[in-house]
Amino acid sequence: MKIYEAAKIRAEIIKAMAHPARLMIIEFLAEGDKLFSEIYELFDCDKSTISKHLLVLKNAGIVSSQKKGVDVLYKLETKCIIKFLDCVNNVINTSIKKKKECLHCK
């Protein structure tokens, strides 16, 4: 049962990342800590939507926050998450390459 519980926890963390806006936030925070106002500028939506995305990431333990005057500073807690995203990109590239090779076979 311990193996299943560990897999369940990993799945919850991966689910927390499973949105384009949250992936963009993670990649932006990989560059360094950012204020909410800086993160908000990346998107064309209301502040409450961005706040909800940040809360999902925070609840999953991916980011942390700290009050900074009237703003909030966000930090990527685990920079190794970028390695996971790099791996996802490798899967995409491999899949594209295989599809192109298959097209040449016909």
N, C-alpha and C. Protein backbone atom coordinates (compact mmCIF):
# COMPACT_ATOMS: atom_id res chain seq x y z
N MET A 1 0.82 -1.21 0.00
CA MET A 1 0.00 0.00 0.00
C MET A 1 0.86 1.26 0.00
N LYS A 2 2.06 1.21 0.57
CA LYS A 2 2.93 2.38 0.60
C LYS A 2 3.31 2.82 -0.81
N ILE A 3 3.53 1.86 -1.70
CA ILE A 3 3.90 2.19 -3.08
C ILE A 3 2.75 2.93 -3.75
N TYR A 4 1.53 2.47 -3.52
CA TYR A 4 0.36 3.12 -4.11
C TYR A 4 0.19 4.54 -3.56
N GLU A 5 0.36 4.71 -2.26
CA GLU A 5 0.22 6.03 -1.65
C GLU A 5 1.26 7.00 -2.21
N ALA A 6 2.49 6.53 -2.38
CA ALA A 6 3.55 7.38 -2.95
C ALA A 6 3.19 7.77 -4.38
N ALA A 7 2.68 6.82 -5.15
CA ALA A 7 2.27 7.11 -6.53
C ALA A 7 1.12 8.10 -6.56
N LYS A 8 0.22 7.97 -5.62
CA LYS A 8 -0.92 8.89 -5.53
C LYS A 8 -0.46 10.32 -5.25
N ILE A 9 0.49 10.46 -4.36
CA ILE A 9 1.04 11.79 -4.02
C ILE A 9 1.75 12.38 -5.24
N ARG A 10 2.54 11.56 -5.94
CA ARG A 10 3.22 12.04 -7.15
C ARG A 10 2.21 12.49 -8.19
N ALA A 11 1.14 11.72 -8.34
CA ALA A 11 0.10 12.07 -9.31
C ALA A 11 -0.54 13.42 -8.96
N GLU A 12 -0.75 13.69 -7.70
CA GLU A 12 -1.33 14.98 -7.28
C GLU A 12 -0.40 16.15 -7.63
N ILE A 13 0.90 15.94 -7.47
CA ILE A 13 1.85 16.99 -7.81
C ILE A 13 1.86 17.22 -9.32
N ILE A 14 1.84 16.14 -10.08
CA ILE A 14 1.81 16.27 -11.54
C ILE A 14 0.51 16.93 -11.99
N LYS A 15 -0.60 16.59 -11.35
CA LYS A 15 -1.89 17.24 -11.68
C LYS A 15 -1.83 18.74 -11.42
N ALA A 16 -1.12 19.13 -10.37
CA ALA A 16 -1.01 20.56 -10.05
C ALA A 16 -0.30 21.32 -11.16
N MET A 17 0.58 20.64 -11.89
CA MET A 17 1.31 21.29 -12.98
C MET A 17 0.54 21.23 -14.29
N ALA A 18 -0.52 20.44 -14.35
CA ALA A 18 -1.19 20.11 -15.61
C ALA A 18 -2.12 21.21 -16.11
N HIS A 19 -1.56 22.38 -16.30
CA HIS A 19 -2.30 23.49 -16.91
C HIS A 19 -1.26 24.40 -17.58
N PRO A 20 -1.53 24.86 -18.79
CA PRO A 20 -0.54 25.71 -19.48
C PRO A 20 -0.08 26.92 -18.67
N ALA A 21 -1.00 27.58 -17.98
CA ALA A 21 -0.62 28.76 -17.20
C ALA A 21 0.32 28.38 -16.06
N ARG A 22 0.05 27.26 -15.41
CA ARG A 22 0.91 26.84 -14.30
C ARG A 22 2.28 26.42 -14.81
N LEU A 23 2.34 25.78 -15.98
CA LEU A 23 3.64 25.44 -16.55
C LEU A 23 4.43 26.70 -16.90
N MET A 24 3.73 27.71 -17.43
CA MET A 24 4.39 28.98 -17.73
C MET A 24 4.93 29.63 -16.46
N ILE A 25 4.16 29.58 -15.39
CA ILE A 25 4.60 30.16 -14.11
C ILE A 25 5.84 29.43 -13.62
N ILE A 26 5.82 28.11 -13.66
CA ILE A 26 6.98 27.32 -13.21
C ILE A 26 8.22 27.70 -14.00
N GLU A 27 8.10 27.76 -15.32
CA GLU A 27 9.25 28.10 -16.17
C GLU A 27 9.73 29.53 -15.90
N PHE A 28 8.81 30.44 -15.65
CA PHE A 28 9.16 31.83 -15.33
C PHE A 28 9.91 31.90 -14.01
N LEU A 29 9.45 31.14 -13.02
CA LEU A 29 10.09 31.15 -11.71
C LEU A 29 11.44 30.43 -11.72
N ALA A 30 11.67 29.62 -12.74
CA ALA A 30 12.98 28.96 -12.86
C ALA A 30 14.08 29.99 -13.08
N GLU A 31 13.71 31.15 -13.62
CA GLU A 31 14.67 32.24 -13.84
C GLU A 31 15.04 32.94 -12.54
N GLY A 32 14.21 32.76 -11.50
CA GLY A 32 14.45 33.40 -10.21
C GLY A 32 13.14 33.80 -9.57
N ASP A 33 13.21 34.21 -8.33
CA ASP A 33 12.01 34.63 -7.60
C ASP A 33 11.35 35.81 -8.31
N LYS A 34 10.02 35.82 -8.30
CA LYS A 34 9.26 36.86 -8.99
C LYS A 34 8.13 37.37 -8.11
N LEU A 35 7.84 38.64 -8.27
CA LEU A 35 6.70 39.25 -7.59
C LEU A 35 5.42 38.87 -8.33
N PHE A 36 4.32 38.85 -7.59
CA PHE A 36 3.03 38.56 -8.21
C PHE A 36 2.78 39.48 -9.40
N SER A 37 3.11 40.75 -9.23
CA SER A 37 2.88 41.72 -10.31
C SER A 37 3.66 41.35 -11.58
N GLU A 38 4.84 40.76 -11.43
CA GLU A 38 5.62 40.32 -12.59
C GLU A 38 4.98 39.09 -13.25
N ILE A 39 4.51 38.17 -12.43
CA ILE A 39 3.87 36.96 -12.94
C ILE A 39 2.58 37.34 -13.66
N TYR A 40 1.82 38.23 -13.06
CA TYR A 40 0.54 38.67 -13.62
C TYR A 40 0.71 39.26 -15.03
N GLU A 41 1.81 39.97 -15.24
CA GLU A 41 2.07 40.61 -16.53
C GLU A 41 2.21 39.61 -17.68
N LEU A 42 2.50 38.35 -17.37
CA LEU A 42 2.66 37.32 -18.40
C LEU A 42 1.33 36.95 -19.07
N PHE A 43 0.23 37.22 -18.39
CA PHE A 43 -1.06 36.71 -18.81
C PHE A 43 -2.06 37.80 -19.16
N ASP A 44 -3.03 37.40 -19.95
CA ASP A 44 -4.12 38.29 -20.33
C ASP A 44 -5.40 37.80 -19.64
N CYS A 45 -5.38 37.85 -18.32
CA CYS A 45 -6.56 37.44 -17.55
C CYS A 45 -6.56 38.18 -16.22
N ASP A 46 -7.59 37.96 -15.44
CA ASP A 46 -7.72 38.72 -14.19
C ASP A 46 -6.80 38.17 -13.10
N LYS A 47 -6.54 39.00 -12.12
CA LYS A 47 -5.62 38.66 -11.03
C LYS A 47 -6.09 37.46 -10.22
N SER A 48 -7.41 37.31 -10.05
CA SER A 48 -7.91 36.19 -9.26
C SER A 48 -7.59 34.85 -9.92
N THR A 49 -7.60 34.81 -11.24
CA THR A 49 -7.27 33.57 -11.96
C THR A 49 -5.81 33.20 -11.72
N ILE A 50 -4.92 34.17 -11.82
CA ILE A 50 -3.50 33.92 -11.58
C ILE A 50 -3.28 33.52 -10.12
N SER A 51 -3.97 34.16 -9.21
CA SER A 51 -3.87 33.81 -7.79
C SER A 51 -4.27 32.36 -7.55
N LYS A 52 -5.33 31.92 -8.23
CA LYS A 52 -5.78 30.52 -8.08
C LYS A 52 -4.74 29.55 -8.60
N HIS A 53 -4.12 29.88 -9.74
CA HIS A 53 -3.07 29.01 -10.28
C HIS A 53 -1.89 28.94 -9.32
N LEU A 54 -1.51 30.07 -8.77
CA LEU A 54 -0.40 30.10 -7.82
C LEU A 54 -0.73 29.31 -6.55
N LEU A 55 -1.98 29.38 -6.12
CA LEU A 55 -2.40 28.63 -4.93
C LEU A 55 -2.32 27.13 -5.18
N VAL A 56 -2.70 26.68 -6.36
CA VAL A 56 -2.60 25.25 -6.69
C VAL A 56 -1.14 24.81 -6.61
N LEU A 57 -0.25 25.62 -7.19
CA LEU A 57 1.18 25.30 -7.15
C LEU A 57 1.73 25.34 -5.73
N LYS A 58 1.25 26.28 -4.95
CA LYS A 58 1.70 26.41 -3.56
C LYS A 58 1.22 25.22 -2.73
N ASN A 59 -0.04 24.84 -2.90
CA ASN A 59 -0.59 23.71 -2.15
C ASN A 59 0.11 22.40 -2.49
N ALA A 60 0.64 22.31 -3.70
CA ALA A 60 1.37 21.11 -4.13
C ALA A 60 2.82 21.13 -3.66
N GLY A 61 3.26 22.26 -3.09
CA GLY A 61 4.64 22.37 -2.61
C GLY A 61 5.63 22.75 -3.69
N ILE A 62 5.14 23.16 -4.84
CA ILE A 62 6.01 23.51 -5.96
C ILE A 62 6.56 24.92 -5.81
N VAL A 63 5.73 25.83 -5.30
CA VAL A 63 6.17 27.20 -5.06
C VAL A 63 5.88 27.59 -3.62
N SER A 64 6.56 28.62 -3.18
CA SER A 64 6.29 29.21 -1.87
C SER A 64 6.12 30.71 -2.09
N SER A 65 5.55 31.37 -1.09
CA SER A 65 5.33 32.81 -1.22
C SER A 65 5.70 33.52 0.07
N GLN A 66 6.00 34.80 -0.11
CA GLN A 66 6.37 35.64 1.03
C GLN A 66 5.88 37.05 0.74
N LYS A 67 5.23 37.66 1.71
CA LYS A 67 4.75 39.03 1.54
C LYS A 67 5.94 39.96 1.38
N LYS A 68 5.84 40.85 0.39
CA LYS A 68 6.92 41.81 0.11
C LYS A 68 6.26 43.16 -0.09
N GLY A 69 6.08 43.91 1.00
CA GLY A 69 5.37 45.18 0.93
C GLY A 69 3.91 44.94 0.57
N VAL A 70 3.45 45.58 -0.50
CA VAL A 70 2.07 45.38 -0.93
C VAL A 70 1.96 44.23 -1.94
N ASP A 71 3.09 43.65 -2.31
CA ASP A 71 3.13 42.58 -3.30
C ASP A 71 3.47 41.26 -2.60
N VAL A 72 3.52 40.18 -3.36
CA VAL A 72 3.90 38.87 -2.85
C VAL A 72 5.00 38.32 -3.74
N LEU A 73 6.06 37.82 -3.10
CA LEU A 73 7.19 37.25 -3.82
C LEU A 73 7.01 35.74 -3.88
N TYR A 74 7.10 35.18 -5.09
CA TYR A 74 6.95 33.74 -5.29
C TYR A 74 8.30 33.13 -5.65
N LYS A 75 8.51 31.92 -5.13
CA LYS A 75 9.78 31.22 -5.32
C LYS A 75 9.48 29.78 -5.74
N LEU A 76 10.23 29.29 -6.70
CA LEU A 76 10.15 27.89 -7.09
C LEU A 76 10.90 27.09 -6.04
N GLU A 77 10.20 26.22 -5.35
CA GLU A 77 10.80 25.46 -4.24
C GLU A 77 11.73 24.36 -4.71
N THR A 78 11.42 23.76 -5.83
CA THR A 78 12.21 22.63 -6.30
C THR A 78 12.62 22.87 -7.75
N LYS A 79 13.81 23.39 -7.94
CA LYS A 79 14.29 23.71 -9.29
C LYS A 79 14.42 22.45 -10.15
N CYS A 80 14.52 21.29 -9.52
CA CYS A 80 14.64 20.05 -10.29
C CYS A 80 13.37 19.75 -11.09
N ILE A 81 12.29 20.45 -10.80
CA ILE A 81 11.05 20.26 -11.56
C ILE A 81 11.28 20.63 -13.03
N ILE A 82 12.25 21.50 -13.29
CA ILE A 82 12.58 21.89 -14.66
C ILE A 82 13.16 20.69 -15.42
N LYS A 83 13.89 19.82 -14.73
CA LYS A 83 14.40 18.60 -15.36
C LYS A 83 13.24 17.73 -15.83
N PHE A 84 12.18 17.68 -15.04
CA PHE A 84 10.99 16.92 -15.42
C PHE A 84 10.39 17.52 -16.69
N LEU A 85 10.30 18.84 -16.76
CA LEU A 85 9.76 19.51 -17.95
C LEU A 85 10.67 19.28 -19.15
N ASP A 86 11.98 19.24 -18.93
CA ASP A 86 12.91 18.93 -20.01
C ASP A 86 12.65 17.51 -20.53
N CYS A 87 12.38 16.60 -19.63
CA CYS A 87 12.06 15.22 -20.01
C CYS A 87 10.78 15.18 -20.84
N VAL A 88 9.78 15.94 -20.44
CA VAL A 88 8.53 16.02 -21.21
C VAL A 88 8.82 16.54 -22.62
N ASN A 89 9.67 17.55 -22.72
CA ASN A 89 10.05 18.08 -24.03
C ASN A 89 10.75 17.02 -24.88
N ASN A 90 11.57 16.18 -24.24
CA ASN A 90 12.23 15.09 -24.97
C ASN A 90 11.22 14.09 -25.51
N VAL A 91 10.20 13.80 -24.72
CA VAL A 91 9.14 12.90 -25.17
C VAL A 91 8.45 13.50 -26.39
N ILE A 92 8.14 14.78 -26.33
CA ILE A 92 7.50 15.48 -27.45
C ILE A 92 8.38 15.40 -28.70
N ASN A 93 9.64 15.73 -28.55
CA ASN A 93 10.57 15.73 -29.69
C ASN A 93 10.73 14.33 -30.29
N THR A 94 10.80 13.32 -29.42
CA THR A 94 10.91 11.94 -29.90
C THR A 94 9.66 11.54 -30.66
N SER A 95 8.52 11.93 -30.14
CA SER A 95 7.26 11.60 -30.79
C SER A 95 7.16 12.27 -32.16
N ILE A 96 7.54 13.52 -32.24
CA ILE A 96 7.51 14.26 -33.51
C ILE A 96 8.47 13.61 -34.51
N LYS A 97 9.65 13.25 -34.04
CA LYS A 97 10.65 12.63 -34.91
C LYS A 97 10.11 11.31 -35.47
N LYS A 98 9.49 10.50 -34.61
CA LYS A 98 8.94 9.21 -35.06
C LYS A 98 7.82 9.42 -36.07
N LYS A 99 6.99 10.42 -35.85
CA LYS A 99 5.91 10.69 -36.79
C LYS A 99 6.46 11.11 -38.15
N LYS A 100 7.51 11.93 -38.15
CA LYS A 100 8.13 12.38 -39.39
C LYS A 100 8.76 11.19 -40.12
N GLU A 101 9.43 10.32 -39.37
CA GLU A 101 10.04 9.13 -39.97
C GLU A 101 8.99 8.22 -40.59
N CYS A 102 7.87 8.10 -39.92
CA CYS A 102 6.78 7.26 -40.40
C CYS A 102 6.20 7.83 -41.69
N LEU A 103 6.13 9.12 -41.80
CA LEU A 103 5.61 9.77 -43.01
C LEU A 103 6.53 9.50 -44.21
N HIS A 104 7.83 9.43 -43.94
CA HIS A 104 8.81 9.17 -45.01
C HIS A 104 8.76 7.71 -45.48
N CYS A 105 8.25 6.83 -44.62
CA CYS A 105 8.18 5.42 -44.95
C CYS A 105 7.09 5.12 -45.98
N LYS A 106 6.09 5.93 -46.02
CA LYS A 106 4.93 5.65 -46.88
C LYS A 106 5.18 5.96 -48.32
